[in-house]
Amino acid sequence: MSGEKYIIRNDNTTNAFFNYQRYDNQLWQYQIQLSPGQTRTIWAVKDTFIPTFGNLKITILDSYPFPTSTPTSTN
């Protein structure tokens, strides 16, 4: 199963909410609150991060696939 790590921030002046499916246990998380100015890191199943109620000001500061597909050295 592929996942995505997101670092997100609420750029609104009011609380923002989002939904996503957790990578570690595949449970859906609904209406997760993000306070104004708050930054948060989440690990989600790929393509399940959904800002709700048109909160387009939730900024994705960084995202990348998880787990990484880079092979590790066995030296």
PDB file of N, CA and C in Angstrom:
ATOM      1  N   MET A   1       0.856  -1.169   0.000  1.00  0.00           N
ATOM      2  CA  MET A   1       0.000   0.000   0.000  1.00  0.00           C
ATOM      3  C   MET A   1       0.902   1.232   0.000  1.00  0.00           C
ATOM      4  N   SER A   2       0.551   2.186  -0.829  1.00  0.00           N
ATOM      5  CA  SER A   2       1.363   3.395  -0.866  1.00  0.00           C
ATOM      6  C   SER A   2       0.737   4.480   0.001  1.00  0.00           C
ATOM      7  N   GLY A   3       1.599   5.285   0.551  1.00  0.00           N
ATOM      8  CA  GLY A   3       1.161   6.353   1.429  1.00  0.00           C
ATOM      9  C   GLY A   3       1.797   7.669   1.041  1.00  0.00           C
ATOM     10  N   GLU A   4       1.412   8.692   1.753  1.00  0.00           N
ATOM     11  CA  GLU A   4       1.920  10.033   1.523  1.00  0.00           C
ATOM     12  C   GLU A   4       2.106  10.710   2.873  1.00  0.00           C
ATOM     13  N   LYS A   5       3.253  11.328   3.065  1.00  0.00           N
ATOM     14  CA  LYS A   5       3.477  12.128   4.264  1.00  0.00           C
ATOM     15  C   LYS A   5       3.207  13.576   3.885  1.00  0.00           C
ATOM     16  N   TYR A   6       2.360  14.246   4.670  1.00  0.00           N
ATOM     17  CA  TYR A   6       2.017  15.642   4.418  1.00  0.00           C
ATOM     18  C   TYR A   6       2.414  16.491   5.615  1.00  0.00           C
ATOM     19  N   ILE A   7       2.969  17.642   5.338  1.00  0.00           N
ATOM     20  CA  ILE A   7       3.135  18.681   6.344  1.00  0.00           C
ATOM     21  C   ILE A   7       2.208  19.804   5.894  1.00  0.00           C
ATOM     22  N   ILE A   8       1.193  20.089   6.722  1.00  0.00           N
ATOM     23  CA  ILE A   8       0.149  21.041   6.333  1.00  0.00           C
ATOM     24  C   ILE A   8       0.054  22.178   7.348  1.00  0.00           C
ATOM     25  N   ARG A   9      -0.496  23.305   6.894  1.00  0.00           N
ATOM     26  CA  ARG A   9      -0.674  24.472   7.769  1.00  0.00           C
ATOM     27  C   ARG A   9      -2.007  25.131   7.455  1.00  0.00           C
ATOM     28  N   ASN A  10      -2.674  25.603   8.502  1.00  0.00           N
ATOM     29  CA  ASN A  10      -3.932  26.334   8.348  1.00  0.00           C
ATOM     30  C   ASN A  10      -3.623  27.808   8.197  1.00  0.00           C
ATOM     31  N   ASP A  11      -3.855  28.351   7.018  1.00  0.00           N
ATOM     32  CA  ASP A  11      -3.629  29.773   6.756  1.00  0.00           C
ATOM     33  C   ASP A  11      -4.893  30.603   6.901  1.00  0.00           C
ATOM     34  N   ASN A  12      -5.966  29.997   7.411  1.00  0.00           N
ATOM     35  CA  ASN A  12      -7.214  30.719   7.657  1.00  0.00           C
ATOM     36  C   ASN A  12      -7.139  31.468   8.981  1.00  0.00           C
ATOM     37  N   THR A  13      -8.091  32.326   9.217  1.00  0.00           N
ATOM     38  CA  THR A  13      -8.192  33.015  10.512  1.00  0.00           C
ATOM     39  C   THR A  13      -9.168  32.286  11.437  1.00  0.00           C
ATOM     40  N   THR A  14      -9.755  31.200  10.960  1.00  0.00           N
ATOM     41  CA  THR A  14     -10.655  30.357  11.754  1.00  0.00           C
ATOM     42  C   THR A  14     -10.184  28.914  11.629  1.00  0.00           C
ATOM     43  N   ASN A  15     -10.771  28.045  12.428  1.00  0.00           N
ATOM     44  CA  ASN A  15     -10.416  26.631  12.369  1.00  0.00           C
ATOM     45  C   ASN A  15     -10.717  26.049  10.996  1.00  0.00           C
ATOM     46  N   ALA A  16      -9.860  25.150  10.559  1.00  0.00           N
ATOM     47  CA  ALA A  16     -10.065  24.409   9.320  1.00  0.00           C
ATOM     48  C   ALA A  16     -10.178  22.936   9.684  1.00  0.00           C
ATOM     49  N   PHE A  17     -10.804  22.170   8.831  1.00  0.00           N
ATOM     50  CA  PHE A  17     -11.010  20.754   9.096  1.00  0.00           C
ATOM     51  C   PHE A  17     -10.604  19.943   7.876  1.00  0.00           C
ATOM     52  N   PHE A  18     -10.162  18.715   8.128  1.00  0.00           N
ATOM     53  CA  PHE A  18      -9.799  17.844   7.025  1.00  0.00           C
ATOM     54  C   PHE A  18     -10.086  16.395   7.400  1.00  0.00           C
ATOM     55  N   ASN A  19     -10.171  15.568   6.378  1.00  0.00           N
ATOM     56  CA  ASN A  19     -10.356  14.125   6.534  1.00  0.00           C
ATOM     57  C   ASN A  19      -9.166  13.431   5.882  1.00  0.00           C
ATOM     58  N   TYR A  20      -8.829  12.252   6.379  1.00  0.00           N
ATOM     59  CA  TYR A  20      -7.819  11.434   5.723  1.00  0.00           C
ATOM     60  C   TYR A  20      -7.871  10.020   6.268  1.00  0.00           C
ATOM     61  N   GLN A  21      -7.298   9.095   5.528  1.00  0.00           N
ATOM     62  CA  GLN A  21      -7.198   7.715   5.973  1.00  0.00           C
ATOM     63  C   GLN A  21      -5.781   7.482   6.478  1.00  0.00           C
ATOM     64  N   ARG A  22      -5.668   7.085   7.747  1.00  0.00           N
ATOM     65  CA  ARG A  22      -4.355   6.877   8.364  1.00  0.00           C
ATOM     66  C   ARG A  22      -3.599   5.760   7.660  1.00  0.00           C
ATOM     67  N   TYR A  23      -2.302   5.962   7.486  1.00  0.00           N
ATOM     68  CA  TYR A  23      -1.474   4.961   6.842  1.00  0.00           C
ATOM     69  C   TYR A  23      -1.228   3.761   7.753  1.00  0.00           C
ATOM     70  N   ASP A  24      -1.028   4.007   9.047  1.00  0.00           N
ATOM     71  CA  ASP A  24      -0.605   2.942   9.956  1.00  0.00           C
ATOM     72  C   ASP A  24      -1.686   1.896  10.241  1.00  0.00           C
ATOM     73  N   ASN A  25      -2.954   2.293  10.246  1.00  0.00           N
ATOM     74  CA  ASN A  25      -4.009   1.317  10.564  1.00  0.00           C
ATOM     75  C   ASN A  25      -5.201   1.376   9.603  1.00  0.00           C
ATOM     76  N   GLN A  26      -5.117   2.186   8.577  1.00  0.00           N
ATOM     77  CA  GLN A  26      -6.130   2.325   7.527  1.00  0.00           C
ATOM     78  C   GLN A  26      -7.478   2.837   8.017  1.00  0.00           C
ATOM     79  N   LEU A  27      -7.554   3.375   9.230  1.00  0.00           N
ATOM     80  CA  LEU A  27      -8.803   3.939   9.730  1.00  0.00           C
ATOM     81  C   LEU A  27      -8.982   5.365   9.203  1.00  0.00           C
ATOM     82  N   TRP A  28     -10.221   5.701   8.864  1.00  0.00           N
ATOM     83  CA  TRP A  28     -10.529   7.054   8.429  1.00  0.00           C
ATOM     84  C   TRP A  28     -10.608   7.986   9.631  1.00  0.00           C
ATOM     85  N   GLN A  29     -10.065   9.167   9.483  1.00  0.00           N
ATOM     86  CA  GLN A  29     -10.128  10.225  10.484  1.00  0.00           C
ATOM     87  C   GLN A  29     -10.970  11.347   9.876  1.00  0.00           C
ATOM     88  N   TYR A  30     -12.055  11.718  10.559  1.00  0.00           N
ATOM     89  CA  TYR A  30     -12.979  12.711  10.014  1.00  0.00           C
ATOM     90  C   TYR A  30     -12.971  13.986  10.846  1.00  0.00           C
ATOM     91  N   GLN A  31     -13.107  15.097  10.155  1.00  0.00           N
ATOM     92  CA  GLN A  31     -13.233  16.414  10.781  1.00  0.00           C
ATOM     93  C   GLN A  31     -12.097  16.705  11.772  1.00  0.00           C
ATOM     94  N   ILE A  32     -10.875  16.448  11.367  1.00  0.00           N
ATOM     95  CA  ILE A  32      -9.719  16.760  12.190  1.00  0.00           C
ATOM     96  C   ILE A  32      -9.526  18.272  12.158  1.00  0.00           C
ATOM     97  N   GLN A  33      -9.458  18.870  13.324  1.00  0.00           N
ATOM     98  CA  GLN A  33      -9.372  20.328  13.427  1.00  0.00           C
ATOM     99  C   GLN A  33      -7.930  20.793  13.339  1.00  0.00           C
ATOM    100  N   LEU A  34      -7.746  21.867  12.593  1.00  0.00           N
ATOM    101  CA  LEU A  34      -6.461  22.538  12.475  1.00  0.00           C
ATOM    102  C   LEU A  34      -6.701  23.998  12.840  1.00  0.00           C
ATOM    103  N   SER A  35      -6.130  24.445  13.929  1.00  0.00           N
ATOM    104  CA  SER A  35      -6.328  25.814  14.413  1.00  0.00           C
ATOM    105  C   SER A  35      -5.610  26.815  13.505  1.00  0.00           C
ATOM    106  N   PRO A  36      -6.001  28.092  13.546  1.00  0.00           N
ATOM    107  CA  PRO A  36      -5.332  29.107  12.737  1.00  0.00           C
ATOM    108  C   PRO A  36      -3.824  29.124  13.015  1.00  0.00           C
ATOM    109  N   GLY A  37      -3.041  29.070  11.948  1.00  0.00           N
ATOM    110  CA  GLY A  37      -1.585  29.104  12.070  1.00  0.00           C
ATOM    111  C   GLY A  37      -0.950  27.778  12.463  1.00  0.00           C
ATOM    112  N   GLN A  38      -1.739  26.769  12.788  1.00  0.00           N
ATOM    113  CA  GLN A  38      -1.204  25.483  13.240  1.00  0.00           C
ATOM    114  C   GLN A  38      -0.615  24.698  12.073  1.00  0.00           C
ATOM    115  N   THR A  39       0.530  24.045  12.336  1.00  0.00           N
ATOM    116  CA  THR A  39       1.176  23.160  11.377  1.00  0.00           C
ATOM    117  C   THR A  39       1.102  21.746  11.927  1.00  0.00           C
ATOM    118  N   ARG A  40       0.891  20.778  11.041  1.00  0.00           N
ATOM    119  CA  ARG A  40       0.744  19.394  11.473  1.00  0.00           C
ATOM    120  C   ARG A  40       1.320  18.465  10.412  1.00  0.00           C
ATOM    121  N   THR A  41       1.845  17.336  10.857  1.00  0.00           N
ATOM    122  CA  THR A  41       2.339  16.295   9.957  1.00  0.00           C
ATOM    123  C   THR A  41       1.402  15.104  10.051  1.00  0.00           C
ATOM    124  N   ILE A  42       0.992  14.589   8.897  1.00  0.00           N
ATOM    125  CA  ILE A  42       0.147  13.395   8.874  1.00  0.00           C
ATOM    126  C   ILE A  42       0.724  12.395   7.874  1.00  0.00           C
ATOM    127  N   TRP A  43       0.483  11.117   8.159  1.00  0.00           N
ATOM    128  CA  TRP A  43       0.843  10.041   7.255  1.00  0.00           C
ATOM    129  C   TRP A  43      -0.463   9.424   6.784  1.00  0.00           C
ATOM    130  N   ALA A  44      -0.754   9.566   5.499  1.00  0.00           N
ATOM    131  CA  ALA A  44      -2.053   9.158   4.961  1.00  0.00           C
ATOM    132  C   ALA A  44      -1.883   8.134   3.847  1.00  0.00           C
ATOM    133  N   VAL A  45      -2.930   7.327   3.657  1.00  0.00           N
ATOM    134  CA  VAL A  45      -2.981   6.479   2.477  1.00  0.00           C
ATOM    135  C   VAL A  45      -3.031   7.416   1.281  1.00  0.00           C
ATOM    136  N   LYS A  46      -2.295   7.093   0.248  1.00  0.00           N
ATOM    137  CA  LYS A  46      -2.185   7.967  -0.932  1.00  0.00           C
ATOM    138  C   LYS A  46      -3.552   8.408  -1.441  1.00  0.00           C
ATOM    139  N   ASP A  47      -3.657   9.691  -1.724  1.00  0.00           N
ATOM    140  CA  ASP A  47      -4.856  10.327  -2.301  1.00  0.00           C
ATOM    141  C   ASP A  47      -6.072  10.355  -1.385  1.00  0.00           C
ATOM    142  N   THR A  48      -5.881  10.283  -0.051  1.00  0.00           N
ATOM    143  CA  THR A  48      -7.032  10.340   0.854  1.00  0.00           C
ATOM    144  C   THR A  48      -7.090  11.620   1.682  1.00  0.00           C
ATOM    145  N   PHE A  49      -6.080  12.492   1.583  1.00  0.00           N
ATOM    146  CA  PHE A  49      -6.115  13.764   2.314  1.00  0.00           C
ATOM    147  C   PHE A  49      -7.131  14.671   1.635  1.00  0.00           C
ATOM    148  N   ILE A  50      -8.159  15.105   2.410  1.00  0.00           N
ATOM    149  CA  ILE A  50      -9.254  15.894   1.842  1.00  0.00           C
ATOM    150  C   ILE A  50      -9.575  17.068   2.759  1.00  0.00           C
ATOM    151  N   PRO A  51      -9.205  18.302   2.366  1.00  0.00           N
ATOM    152  CA  PRO A  51      -9.684  19.466   3.119  1.00  0.00           C
ATOM    153  C   PRO A  51     -11.200  19.541   2.956  1.00  0.00           C
ATOM    154  N   THR A  52     -11.924  19.865   4.034  1.00  0.00           N
ATOM    155  CA  THR A  52     -13.386  19.864   3.968  1.00  0.00           C
ATOM    156  C   THR A  52     -13.953  21.278   4.006  1.00  0.00           C
ATOM    157  N   PHE A  53     -15.199  21.400   3.612  1.00  0.00           N
ATOM    158  CA  PHE A  53     -15.932  22.675   3.626  1.00  0.00           C
ATOM    159  C   PHE A  53     -15.221  23.757   2.818  1.00  0.00           C
ATOM    160  N   GLY A  54     -14.564  23.386   1.738  1.00  0.00           N
ATOM    161  CA  GLY A  54     -13.926  24.360   0.868  1.00  0.00           C
ATOM    162  C   GLY A  54     -12.764  25.093   1.502  1.00  0.00           C
ATOM    163  N   ASN A  55     -12.125  24.499   2.502  1.00  0.00           N
ATOM    164  CA  ASN A  55     -10.976  25.137   3.156  1.00  0.00           C
ATOM    165  C   ASN A  55      -9.755  25.065   2.247  1.00  0.00           C
ATOM    166  N   LEU A  56      -9.747  25.887   1.231  1.00  0.00           N
ATOM    167  CA  LEU A  56      -8.665  25.840   0.263  1.00  0.00           C
ATOM    168  C   LEU A  56      -7.386  26.474   0.789  1.00  0.00           C
ATOM    169  N   LYS A  57      -7.441  27.094   1.960  1.00  0.00           N
ATOM    170  CA  LYS A  57      -6.265  27.741   2.516  1.00  0.00           C
ATOM    171  C   LYS A  57      -5.454  26.820   3.414  1.00  0.00           C
ATOM    172  N   ILE A  58      -5.787  25.532   3.465  1.00  0.00           N
ATOM    173  CA  ILE A  58      -4.891  24.592   4.133  1.00  0.00           C
ATOM    174  C   ILE A  58      -3.733  24.389   3.174  1.00  0.00           C
ATOM    175  N   THR A  59      -2.599  24.883   3.557  1.00  0.00           N
ATOM    176  CA  THR A  59      -1.427  24.846   2.702  1.00  0.00           C
ATOM    177  C   THR A  59      -0.655  23.553   2.922  1.00  0.00           C
ATOM    178  N   ILE A  60      -0.322  22.875   1.841  1.00  0.00           N
ATOM    179  CA  ILE A  60       0.553  21.709   1.923  1.00  0.00           C
ATOM    180  C   ILE A  60       1.982  22.235   1.790  1.00  0.00           C
ATOM    181  N   LEU A  61       2.706  22.240   2.906  1.00  0.00           N
ATOM    182  CA  LEU A  61       4.069  22.750   2.920  1.00  0.00           C
ATOM    183  C   LEU A  61       5.041  21.777   2.278  1.00  0.00           C
ATOM    184  N   ASP A  62       4.762  20.483   2.443  1.00  0.00           N
ATOM    185  CA  ASP A  62       5.626  19.450   1.869  1.00  0.00           C
ATOM    186  C   ASP A  62       4.834  18.157   1.804  1.00  0.00           C
ATOM    187  N   SER A  63       5.108  17.357   0.815  1.00  0.00           N
ATOM    188  CA  SER A  63       4.513  16.021   0.740  1.00  0.00           C
ATOM    189  C   SER A  63       5.463  15.134  -0.038  1.00  0.00           C
ATOM    190  N   TYR A  64       5.516  13.896   0.372  1.00  0.00           N
ATOM    191  CA  TYR A  64       6.315  12.931  -0.377  1.00  0.00           C
ATOM    192  C   TYR A  64       5.810  11.529  -0.094  1.00  0.00           C
ATOM    193  N   PRO A  65       6.081  10.603  -1.033  1.00  0.00           N
ATOM    194  CA  PRO A  65       5.607   9.228  -0.869  1.00  0.00           C
ATOM    195  C   PRO A  65       6.174   8.588   0.387  1.00  0.00           C
ATOM    196  N   PHE A  66       5.378   7.732   0.984  1.00  0.00           N
ATOM    197  CA  PHE A  66       5.783   7.027   2.182  1.00  0.00           C
ATOM    198  C   PHE A  66       5.239   5.616   2.096  1.00  0.00           C
ATOM    199  N   PRO A  67       5.942   4.584   2.403  1.00  0.00           N
ATOM    200  CA  PRO A  67       7.364   4.623   2.751  1.00  0.00           C
ATOM    201  C   PRO A  67       8.201   4.914   1.505  1.00  0.00           C
ATOM    202  N   THR A  68       9.393   5.416   1.755  1.00  0.00           N
ATOM    203  CA  THR A  68      10.264   5.752   0.622  1.00  0.00           C
ATOM    204  C   THR A  68      10.665   4.477  -0.097  1.00  0.00           C
ATOM    205  N   SER A  69      10.872   4.601  -1.378  1.00  0.00           N
ATOM    206  CA  SER A  69      11.225   3.433  -2.178  1.00  0.00           C
ATOM    207  C   SER A  69      12.723   3.357  -2.406  1.00  0.00           C
ATOM    208  N   THR A  70      13.496   4.202  -1.730  1.00  0.00           N
ATOM    209  CA  THR A  70      14.942   4.208  -1.886  1.00  0.00           C
ATOM    210  C   THR A  70      15.536   2.987  -1.189  1.00  0.00           C
ATOM    211  N   PRO A  71      16.298   2.189  -1.930  1.00  0.00           N
ATOM    212  CA  PRO A  71      16.906   1.019  -1.274  1.00  0.00           C
ATOM    213  C   PRO A  71      17.942   1.431  -0.248  1.00  0.00           C
ATOM    214  N   THR A  72      18.058   0.661   0.806  1.00  0.00           N
ATOM    215  CA  THR A  72      19.050   0.945   1.831  1.00  0.00           C
ATOM    216  C   THR A  72      20.270   0.060   1.629  1.00  0.00           C
ATOM    217  N   SER A  73      21.404   0.556   2.014  1.00  0.00           N
ATOM    218  CA  SER A  73      22.650  -0.174   1.866  1.00  0.00           C
ATOM    219  C   SER A  73      22.740  -1.286   2.901  1.00  0.00           C
ATOM    220  N   THR A  74      23.329  -2.408   2.515  1.00  0.00           N
ATOM    221  CA  THR A  74      23.516  -3.522   3.449  1.00  0.00           C
ATOM    222  C   THR A  74      24.983  -3.774   3.727  1.00  0.00           C
ATOM    223  N   ASN A  75      25.821  -2.751   3.597  1.00  0.00           N
ATOM    224  CA  ASN A  75      27.270  -2.908   3.820  1.00  0.00           C
ATOM    225  C   ASN A  75      27.568  -3.302   5.223  1.00  0.00           C
TER     226      ASN A  75
END
